[in-house]
């Protein structure tokens, strides 16, 4: 899939994953994606490196969501987009995900409602939500980073 996206768009694709075994597997399976070991709170790329950043079913995995969003803002160019797809915790699917992650897997994830995710993106990352979509048990946000220098009081 990544190879098709890359060929169709001509863009470079990067993936950030904290589990080095998953990164090694991804590198073996496809050279179409530059897979790197890392976490949202410490992204190993320079300021403004990405035109678009994505978090696909991962925001609830950020150890520190506010710091992670600040870091995503740092590596997303001014005027760039941040697309977030995640679980809506109050739905049936959301309750199931919370139960599996927090009780079965014992990970203690923090699941944000769509409105809370918008607040974090806008407060911590100089993002402005430009599209908010409910997908039943999940939500999709598209947020644009402020075109000027960061004005977040938390740095970034």
N, C-alpha and C. Protein backbone atom coordinates (compact mmCIF):
# COMPACT_ATOMS: atom_id res chain seq x y z
N UNK A 1 0.82 -1.19 0.00
CA UNK A 1 0.00 0.00 0.00
C UNK A 1 0.87 1.25 0.00
N UNK A 2 1.88 1.30 0.88
CA UNK A 2 2.73 2.48 0.96
C UNK A 2 3.43 2.75 -0.36
N UNK A 3 3.87 1.70 -1.01
CA UNK A 3 4.55 1.86 -2.30
C UNK A 3 3.60 2.49 -3.32
N UNK A 4 2.34 2.04 -3.35
CA UNK A 4 1.36 2.60 -4.28
C UNK A 4 1.12 4.08 -3.99
N UNK A 5 0.98 4.42 -2.71
CA UNK A 5 0.78 5.82 -2.33
C UNK A 5 1.98 6.66 -2.77
N UNK A 6 3.16 6.16 -2.51
CA UNK A 6 4.37 6.90 -2.86
C UNK A 6 4.47 7.09 -4.38
N UNK A 7 4.21 6.03 -5.15
CA UNK A 7 4.30 6.13 -6.60
C UNK A 7 3.24 7.07 -7.16
N UNK A 8 2.03 7.01 -6.62
CA UNK A 8 0.95 7.85 -7.12
C UNK A 8 1.14 9.31 -6.77
N UNK A 9 1.70 9.59 -5.62
CA UNK A 9 1.82 10.97 -5.15
C UNK A 9 3.20 11.57 -5.38
N UNK A 10 4.20 10.72 -5.53
CA UNK A 10 5.55 11.23 -5.67
C UNK A 10 6.12 11.76 -4.36
N UNK A 11 5.45 11.49 -3.25
CA UNK A 11 5.91 12.03 -1.97
C UNK A 11 6.78 11.02 -1.23
N UNK A 12 7.51 11.50 -0.28
CA UNK A 12 8.28 10.67 0.62
C UNK A 12 7.41 10.35 1.82
N UNK A 13 7.41 9.10 2.25
CA UNK A 13 6.62 8.68 3.40
C UNK A 13 7.53 8.26 4.54
N UNK A 14 7.18 8.69 5.74
CA UNK A 14 7.95 8.37 6.93
C UNK A 14 7.01 7.79 7.98
N UNK A 15 7.51 6.83 8.74
CA UNK A 15 6.73 6.25 9.83
C UNK A 15 7.58 6.28 11.10
N UNK A 16 6.95 6.62 12.20
CA UNK A 16 7.61 6.67 13.49
C UNK A 16 6.95 5.63 14.39
N UNK A 17 7.74 4.76 14.95
CA UNK A 17 7.24 3.64 15.76
C UNK A 17 8.20 3.41 16.92
N UNK A 18 7.68 3.33 18.16
CA UNK A 18 8.57 3.12 19.30
C UNK A 18 9.16 1.72 19.41
N UNK A 19 8.53 0.73 18.80
CA UNK A 19 8.98 -0.66 18.90
C UNK A 19 9.99 -0.96 17.78
N UNK A 20 11.25 -1.15 18.15
CA UNK A 20 12.30 -1.36 17.16
C UNK A 20 12.06 -2.62 16.32
N UNK A 21 11.40 -3.63 16.89
CA UNK A 21 11.10 -4.85 16.12
C UNK A 21 10.12 -4.56 14.99
N UNK A 22 9.14 -3.74 15.27
CA UNK A 22 8.18 -3.36 14.22
C UNK A 22 8.86 -2.53 13.14
N UNK A 23 9.78 -1.68 13.54
CA UNK A 23 10.52 -0.87 12.56
C UNK A 23 11.36 -1.77 11.67
N UNK A 24 12.06 -2.73 12.27
CA UNK A 24 12.86 -3.67 11.47
C UNK A 24 11.99 -4.45 10.49
N UNK A 25 10.83 -4.89 10.95
CA UNK A 25 9.91 -5.62 10.07
C UNK A 25 9.43 -4.72 8.93
N UNK A 26 9.07 -3.50 9.25
CA UNK A 26 8.60 -2.56 8.22
C UNK A 26 9.69 -2.28 7.19
N UNK A 27 10.92 -2.16 7.65
CA UNK A 27 12.04 -1.92 6.72
C UNK A 27 12.26 -3.11 5.80
N UNK A 28 12.10 -4.32 6.32
CA UNK A 28 12.23 -5.52 5.49
C UNK A 28 11.13 -5.62 4.45
N UNK A 29 9.91 -5.24 4.85
CA UNK A 29 8.76 -5.41 3.98
C UNK A 29 8.63 -4.35 2.91
N UNK A 30 9.13 -3.14 3.16
CA UNK A 30 8.96 -2.08 2.18
C UNK A 30 10.02 -1.01 2.32
N UNK A 31 10.63 -0.70 1.20
CA UNK A 31 11.58 0.42 1.19
C UNK A 31 10.86 1.71 0.79
N UNK A 32 9.54 1.62 0.55
CA UNK A 32 8.77 2.79 0.14
C UNK A 32 8.52 3.75 1.31
N UNK A 33 8.70 3.26 2.52
CA UNK A 33 8.48 4.08 3.71
C UNK A 33 9.78 4.13 4.50
N UNK A 34 10.15 5.33 4.92
CA UNK A 34 11.32 5.51 5.79
C UNK A 34 10.84 5.29 7.22
N UNK A 35 11.09 4.12 7.76
CA UNK A 35 10.63 3.78 9.11
C UNK A 35 11.72 4.09 10.13
N UNK A 36 11.33 4.80 11.18
CA UNK A 36 12.26 5.23 12.22
C UNK A 36 11.75 4.83 13.59
N UNK A 37 12.66 4.53 14.48
CA UNK A 37 12.32 4.27 15.88
C UNK A 37 12.18 5.61 16.57
N UNK A 38 11.11 5.78 17.31
CA UNK A 38 10.93 7.02 18.05
C UNK A 38 9.53 7.12 18.63
N UNK A 39 9.31 8.19 19.37
CA UNK A 39 8.02 8.44 20.01
C UNK A 39 7.56 9.84 19.66
N UNK A 40 6.28 10.07 19.78
CA UNK A 40 5.70 11.36 19.43
C UNK A 40 6.32 12.50 20.23
N UNK A 41 6.73 12.22 21.45
CA UNK A 41 7.27 13.28 22.31
C UNK A 41 8.70 13.68 21.95
N UNK A 42 9.33 12.94 21.06
CA UNK A 42 10.71 13.23 20.66
C UNK A 42 10.92 12.74 19.23
N UNK A 43 10.43 13.51 18.27
CA UNK A 43 10.46 13.11 16.86
C UNK A 43 11.83 13.45 16.27
N UNK A 44 12.50 12.47 15.67
CA UNK A 44 13.88 12.66 15.21
C UNK A 44 14.00 13.36 13.83
N UNK A 45 13.28 14.47 13.67
CA UNK A 45 13.36 15.25 12.43
C UNK A 45 13.40 16.72 12.79
N UNK A 46 13.91 17.51 11.87
CA UNK A 46 14.05 18.94 12.11
C UNK A 46 12.74 19.70 12.05
N UNK A 47 12.79 20.94 12.51
CA UNK A 47 11.63 21.81 12.51
C UNK A 47 11.11 22.01 11.09
N UNK A 48 9.80 21.91 10.93
CA UNK A 48 9.17 22.13 9.64
C UNK A 48 9.48 21.10 8.58
N UNK A 49 9.95 19.92 8.97
CA UNK A 49 10.37 18.88 8.03
C UNK A 49 9.22 18.35 7.18
N UNK A 50 8.02 18.26 7.75
CA UNK A 50 6.89 17.64 7.07
C UNK A 50 5.86 18.65 6.59
N UNK A 51 5.30 18.38 5.42
CA UNK A 51 4.17 19.16 4.91
C UNK A 51 2.88 18.70 5.58
N UNK A 52 2.79 17.41 5.83
CA UNK A 52 1.62 16.81 6.48
C UNK A 52 2.11 15.79 7.49
N UNK A 53 1.43 15.74 8.62
CA UNK A 53 1.72 14.75 9.65
C UNK A 53 0.42 14.01 9.94
N UNK A 54 0.55 12.73 10.25
CA UNK A 54 -0.62 11.89 10.50
C UNK A 54 -0.45 11.14 11.80
N UNK A 55 -1.56 10.97 12.50
CA UNK A 55 -1.62 10.11 13.67
C UNK A 55 -2.82 9.20 13.44
N UNK A 56 -2.56 7.97 13.08
CA UNK A 56 -3.62 7.03 12.74
C UNK A 56 -3.78 6.02 13.86
N UNK A 57 -4.85 6.16 14.62
CA UNK A 57 -5.14 5.29 15.76
C UNK A 57 -3.95 5.26 16.73
N UNK A 58 -3.34 6.42 16.94
CA UNK A 58 -2.14 6.47 17.77
C UNK A 58 -2.18 7.54 18.85
N UNK A 59 -3.03 8.55 18.74
CA UNK A 59 -3.02 9.64 19.72
C UNK A 59 -3.18 9.10 21.14
N UNK A 60 -3.99 8.09 21.31
CA UNK A 60 -4.18 7.52 22.66
C UNK A 60 -2.94 6.76 23.13
N UNK A 61 -1.99 6.49 22.24
CA UNK A 61 -0.74 5.83 22.62
C UNK A 61 0.34 6.83 23.03
N UNK A 62 0.15 8.13 22.76
CA UNK A 62 1.16 9.12 23.15
C UNK A 62 1.28 9.10 24.67
N UNK A 63 2.48 8.92 25.19
CA UNK A 63 2.69 8.91 26.64
C UNK A 63 2.31 10.25 27.25
N UNK A 64 2.61 11.33 26.56
CA UNK A 64 2.27 12.69 26.98
C UNK A 64 1.66 13.37 25.76
N UNK A 65 0.33 13.40 25.70
CA UNK A 65 -0.33 13.90 24.50
C UNK A 65 -0.02 15.37 24.22
N UNK A 66 0.06 16.18 25.24
CA UNK A 66 0.36 17.59 25.03
C UNK A 66 1.76 17.77 24.45
N UNK A 67 2.75 17.08 25.03
CA UNK A 67 4.12 17.15 24.52
C UNK A 67 4.20 16.57 23.11
N UNK A 68 3.48 15.49 22.86
CA UNK A 68 3.47 14.89 21.53
C UNK A 68 2.92 15.83 20.48
N UNK A 69 1.84 16.52 20.81
CA UNK A 69 1.25 17.47 19.86
C UNK A 69 2.20 18.65 19.63
N UNK A 70 2.86 19.13 20.67
CA UNK A 70 3.86 20.21 20.49
C UNK A 70 4.97 19.75 19.55
N UNK A 71 5.39 18.50 19.71
CA UNK A 71 6.46 17.96 18.87
C UNK A 71 5.99 17.78 17.43
N UNK A 72 4.77 17.32 17.23
CA UNK A 72 4.22 17.22 15.87
C UNK A 72 4.17 18.60 15.25
N UNK A 73 3.75 19.61 16.01
CA UNK A 73 3.72 20.98 15.49
C UNK A 73 5.12 21.44 15.09
N UNK A 74 6.11 21.08 15.88
CA UNK A 74 7.49 21.49 15.58
C UNK A 74 7.95 20.94 14.24
N UNK A 75 7.63 19.69 13.94
CA UNK A 75 8.13 19.07 12.72
C UNK A 75 7.20 19.29 11.51
N UNK A 76 6.03 19.90 11.74
CA UNK A 76 5.11 20.21 10.66
C UNK A 76 5.32 21.67 10.26
N UNK A 77 5.53 21.90 8.98
CA UNK A 77 5.82 23.27 8.52
C UNK A 77 4.64 24.19 8.79
N UNK A 78 4.88 25.48 8.99
CA UNK A 78 3.78 26.43 9.12
C UNK A 78 2.88 26.34 7.88
N UNK A 79 1.58 26.28 8.11
CA UNK A 79 0.62 26.09 7.04
C UNK A 79 0.39 24.64 6.68
N UNK A 80 1.18 23.73 7.27
CA UNK A 80 1.04 22.30 7.02
C UNK A 80 -0.14 21.72 7.79
N UNK A 81 -0.46 20.48 7.46
CA UNK A 81 -1.62 19.83 8.06
C UNK A 81 -1.22 18.72 9.02
N UNK A 82 -2.06 18.51 10.02
CA UNK A 82 -1.96 17.38 10.93
C UNK A 82 -3.30 16.67 10.88
N UNK A 83 -3.28 15.42 10.46
CA UNK A 83 -4.49 14.61 10.32
C UNK A 83 -4.49 13.58 11.44
N UNK A 84 -5.58 13.53 12.20
CA UNK A 84 -5.69 12.63 13.33
C UNK A 84 -6.92 11.75 13.15
N UNK A 85 -6.71 10.45 13.18
CA UNK A 85 -7.79 9.47 13.21
C UNK A 85 -7.63 8.70 14.51
N UNK A 86 -8.67 8.71 15.35
CA UNK A 86 -8.57 7.99 16.61
C UNK A 86 -9.94 7.53 17.08
N UNK A 87 -9.93 6.78 18.14
CA UNK A 87 -11.13 6.19 18.72
C UNK A 87 -11.92 7.25 19.47
N UNK A 88 -13.23 7.26 19.29
CA UNK A 88 -14.12 8.10 20.10
C UNK A 88 -14.48 7.29 21.34
N UNK A 89 -13.97 7.67 22.53
CA UNK A 89 -14.06 6.79 23.71
C UNK A 89 -15.46 6.53 24.25
N UNK A 90 -16.43 7.39 23.98
CA UNK A 90 -17.76 7.20 24.53
C UNK A 90 -18.65 6.26 23.73
N UNK A 91 -18.18 5.80 22.59
CA UNK A 91 -18.98 4.89 21.75
C UNK A 91 -18.76 3.45 22.19
N UNK A 92 -19.56 2.55 21.65
CA UNK A 92 -19.37 1.12 21.94
C UNK A 92 -17.98 0.65 21.57
N UNK A 93 -17.53 1.03 20.39
CA UNK A 93 -16.18 0.66 19.94
C UNK A 93 -15.13 1.30 20.86
N UNK A 94 -15.37 2.54 21.25
CA UNK A 94 -14.43 3.21 22.14
C UNK A 94 -14.32 2.54 23.49
N UNK A 95 -15.46 2.13 24.04
CA UNK A 95 -15.43 1.43 25.33
C UNK A 95 -14.69 0.10 25.20
N UNK A 96 -14.88 -0.59 24.07
CA UNK A 96 -14.17 -1.84 23.84
C UNK A 96 -12.66 -1.59 23.77
N UNK A 97 -12.23 -0.57 23.01
CA UNK A 97 -10.81 -0.24 22.90
C UNK A 97 -10.23 0.11 24.27
N UNK A 98 -10.96 0.94 25.04
CA UNK A 98 -10.48 1.32 26.36
C UNK A 98 -10.32 0.10 27.25
N UNK A 99 -11.29 -0.79 27.22
CA UNK A 99 -11.21 -2.01 28.03
C UNK A 99 -10.01 -2.85 27.61
N UNK A 100 -9.84 -3.09 26.32
CA UNK A 100 -8.73 -3.91 25.85
C UNK A 100 -7.38 -3.29 26.20
N UNK A 101 -7.22 -2.01 25.90
CA UNK A 101 -5.93 -1.35 26.15
C UNK A 101 -5.63 -1.20 27.65
N UNK A 102 -6.63 -0.73 28.40
CA UNK A 102 -6.37 -0.36 29.78
C UNK A 102 -6.47 -1.51 30.78
N UNK A 103 -7.29 -2.51 30.48
CA UNK A 103 -7.46 -3.59 31.45
C UNK A 103 -6.85 -4.91 30.99
N UNK A 104 -7.07 -5.27 29.74
CA UNK A 104 -6.49 -6.52 29.24
C UNK A 104 -5.00 -6.34 29.01
N UNK A 105 -4.61 -5.31 28.27
CA UNK A 105 -3.19 -5.06 27.96
C UNK A 105 -2.47 -4.30 29.08
N UNK A 106 -3.23 -3.71 30.00
CA UNK A 106 -2.71 -2.96 31.15
C UNK A 106 -1.78 -1.82 30.74
N UNK A 107 -2.18 -1.09 29.72
CA UNK A 107 -1.34 0.00 29.22
C UNK A 107 -1.73 1.37 29.77
N UNK A 108 -2.90 1.53 30.27
CA UNK A 108 -3.38 2.79 30.84
C UNK A 108 -3.32 3.95 29.83
N UNK A 109 -4.01 3.77 28.72
CA UNK A 109 -4.07 4.78 27.67
C UNK A 109 -5.07 5.87 28.04
N UNK A 110 -4.81 7.05 27.54
CA UNK A 110 -5.72 8.18 27.72
C UNK A 110 -6.41 8.43 26.37
N UNK A 111 -7.69 8.12 26.31
CA UNK A 111 -8.47 8.31 25.09
C UNK A 111 -9.17 9.66 25.15
N UNK A 112 -8.93 10.50 24.18
CA UNK A 112 -9.57 11.82 24.12
C UNK A 112 -10.82 11.76 23.26
N UNK A 113 -11.85 12.48 23.69
CA UNK A 113 -13.01 12.68 22.83
C UNK A 113 -12.58 13.66 21.73
N UNK A 114 -13.33 13.68 20.64
CA UNK A 114 -12.97 14.56 19.53
C UNK A 114 -12.81 16.01 19.99
N UNK A 115 -13.75 16.50 20.79
CA UNK A 115 -13.68 17.89 21.25
C UNK A 115 -12.43 18.13 22.09
N UNK A 116 -12.03 17.14 22.89
CA UNK A 116 -10.81 17.27 23.71
C UNK A 116 -9.57 17.26 22.83
N UNK A 117 -9.56 16.42 21.78
CA UNK A 117 -8.42 16.38 20.86
C UNK A 117 -8.27 17.71 20.16
N UNK A 118 -9.37 18.32 19.75
CA UNK A 118 -9.31 19.65 19.12
C UNK A 118 -8.69 20.65 20.09
N UNK A 119 -9.12 20.63 21.34
CA UNK A 119 -8.58 21.55 22.35
C UNK A 119 -7.08 21.38 22.51
N UNK A 120 -6.60 20.14 22.57
CA UNK A 120 -5.17 19.88 22.74
C UNK A 120 -4.40 20.36 21.50
N UNK A 121 -4.90 20.06 20.32
CA UNK A 121 -4.22 20.49 19.10
C UNK A 121 -4.13 22.01 19.02
N UNK A 122 -5.21 22.68 19.36
CA UNK A 122 -5.22 24.14 19.26
C UNK A 122 -4.40 24.79 20.36
N UNK A 123 -4.43 24.26 21.57
CA UNK A 123 -3.71 24.86 22.69
C UNK A 123 -2.22 24.54 22.67
N UNK A 124 -1.85 23.34 22.26
CA UNK A 124 -0.46 22.91 22.37
C UNK A 124 0.33 22.99 21.07
N UNK A 125 -0.34 23.04 19.95
CA UNK A 125 0.39 22.94 18.70
C UNK A 125 0.17 24.03 17.69
N UNK A 126 -0.50 25.10 18.08
CA UNK A 126 -0.81 26.16 17.11
C UNK A 126 -1.54 25.62 15.89
N UNK A 127 -2.37 24.61 16.11
CA UNK A 127 -3.18 24.06 15.04
C UNK A 127 -4.59 24.64 15.13
N UNK A 128 -5.24 24.76 13.99
CA UNK A 128 -6.64 25.16 13.92
C UNK A 128 -7.38 24.06 13.19
N UNK A 129 -8.37 23.46 13.86
CA UNK A 129 -9.14 22.39 13.24
C UNK A 129 -9.91 22.95 12.05
N UNK A 130 -9.69 22.37 10.88
CA UNK A 130 -10.39 22.82 9.68
C UNK A 130 -11.43 21.81 9.21
N UNK A 131 -11.36 20.60 9.75
CA UNK A 131 -12.36 19.59 9.43
C UNK A 131 -12.49 18.64 10.62
N UNK A 132 -13.72 18.38 11.02
CA UNK A 132 -14.01 17.45 12.12
C UNK A 132 -15.10 16.51 11.63
N UNK A 133 -14.79 15.23 11.63
CA UNK A 133 -15.73 14.24 11.12
C UNK A 133 -15.89 13.11 12.13
N UNK A 134 -17.13 12.76 12.41
CA UNK A 134 -17.41 11.60 13.25
C UNK A 134 -17.56 10.39 12.36
N UNK A 135 -16.91 9.31 12.73
CA UNK A 135 -16.94 8.08 11.94
C UNK A 135 -17.52 6.94 12.76
N UNK A 136 -18.58 7.20 13.47
CA UNK A 136 -19.17 6.17 14.33
C UNK A 136 -18.34 5.98 15.57
N UNK A 137 -17.50 4.95 15.61
CA UNK A 137 -16.67 4.68 16.77
C UNK A 137 -15.34 5.39 16.76
N UNK A 138 -15.14 6.27 15.78
CA UNK A 138 -13.87 6.99 15.67
C UNK A 138 -14.14 8.42 15.21
N UNK A 139 -13.08 9.23 15.17
CA UNK A 139 -13.20 10.58 14.63
C UNK A 139 -12.00 10.89 13.77
N UNK A 140 -12.20 11.81 12.84
CA UNK A 140 -11.15 12.28 11.96
C UNK A 140 -11.06 13.78 12.11
N UNK A 141 -9.85 14.26 12.40
CA UNK A 141 -9.59 15.70 12.49
C UNK A 141 -8.55 16.07 11.45
N UNK A 142 -8.76 17.19 10.80
CA UNK A 142 -7.74 17.77 9.94
C UNK A 142 -7.49 19.16 10.51
N UNK A 143 -6.26 19.42 10.90
CA UNK A 143 -5.91 20.69 11.52
C UNK A 143 -4.75 21.32 10.76
N UNK A 144 -4.81 22.63 10.60
CA UNK A 144 -3.74 23.36 9.92
C UNK A 144 -2.90 24.08 10.95
N UNK A 145 -1.59 23.99 10.78
CA UNK A 145 -0.67 24.69 11.69
C UNK A 145 -0.62 26.16 11.32
N UNK A 146 -0.57 27.01 12.32
CA UNK A 146 -0.51 28.45 12.09
C UNK A 146 0.63 28.78 11.13
N UNK A 147 0.39 29.72 10.25
CA UNK A 147 1.36 30.06 9.22
C UNK A 147 2.58 30.80 9.77
N UNK A 148 2.45 31.45 10.91
CA UNK A 148 3.57 32.21 11.47
C UNK A 148 4.34 31.40 12.49
N UNK A 149 5.29 32.04 13.20
CA UNK A 149 6.04 31.34 14.24
C UNK A 149 5.11 30.85 15.34
N UNK A 150 5.53 29.79 16.02
CA UNK A 150 4.73 29.19 17.08
C UNK A 150 4.44 30.22 18.17
N UNK A 151 3.16 30.22 18.61
CA UNK A 151 2.78 31.11 19.71
C UNK A 151 2.36 30.33 20.94
N UNK A 152 2.57 29.00 20.91
CA UNK A 152 2.21 28.18 22.08
C UNK A 152 3.01 28.63 23.28
N UNK A 153 2.34 28.76 24.40
CA UNK A 153 3.03 29.18 25.62
C UNK A 153 3.92 28.08 26.16
N UNK A 154 3.72 26.85 25.68
CA UNK A 154 4.50 25.71 26.19
C UNK A 154 5.76 25.46 25.41
N UNK A 155 6.06 26.27 24.42
CA UNK A 155 7.26 26.06 23.61
C UNK A 155 6.97 25.16 22.43
N UNK A 156 8.02 24.80 21.68
CA UNK A 156 7.78 23.89 20.57
C UNK A 156 8.35 24.41 19.39
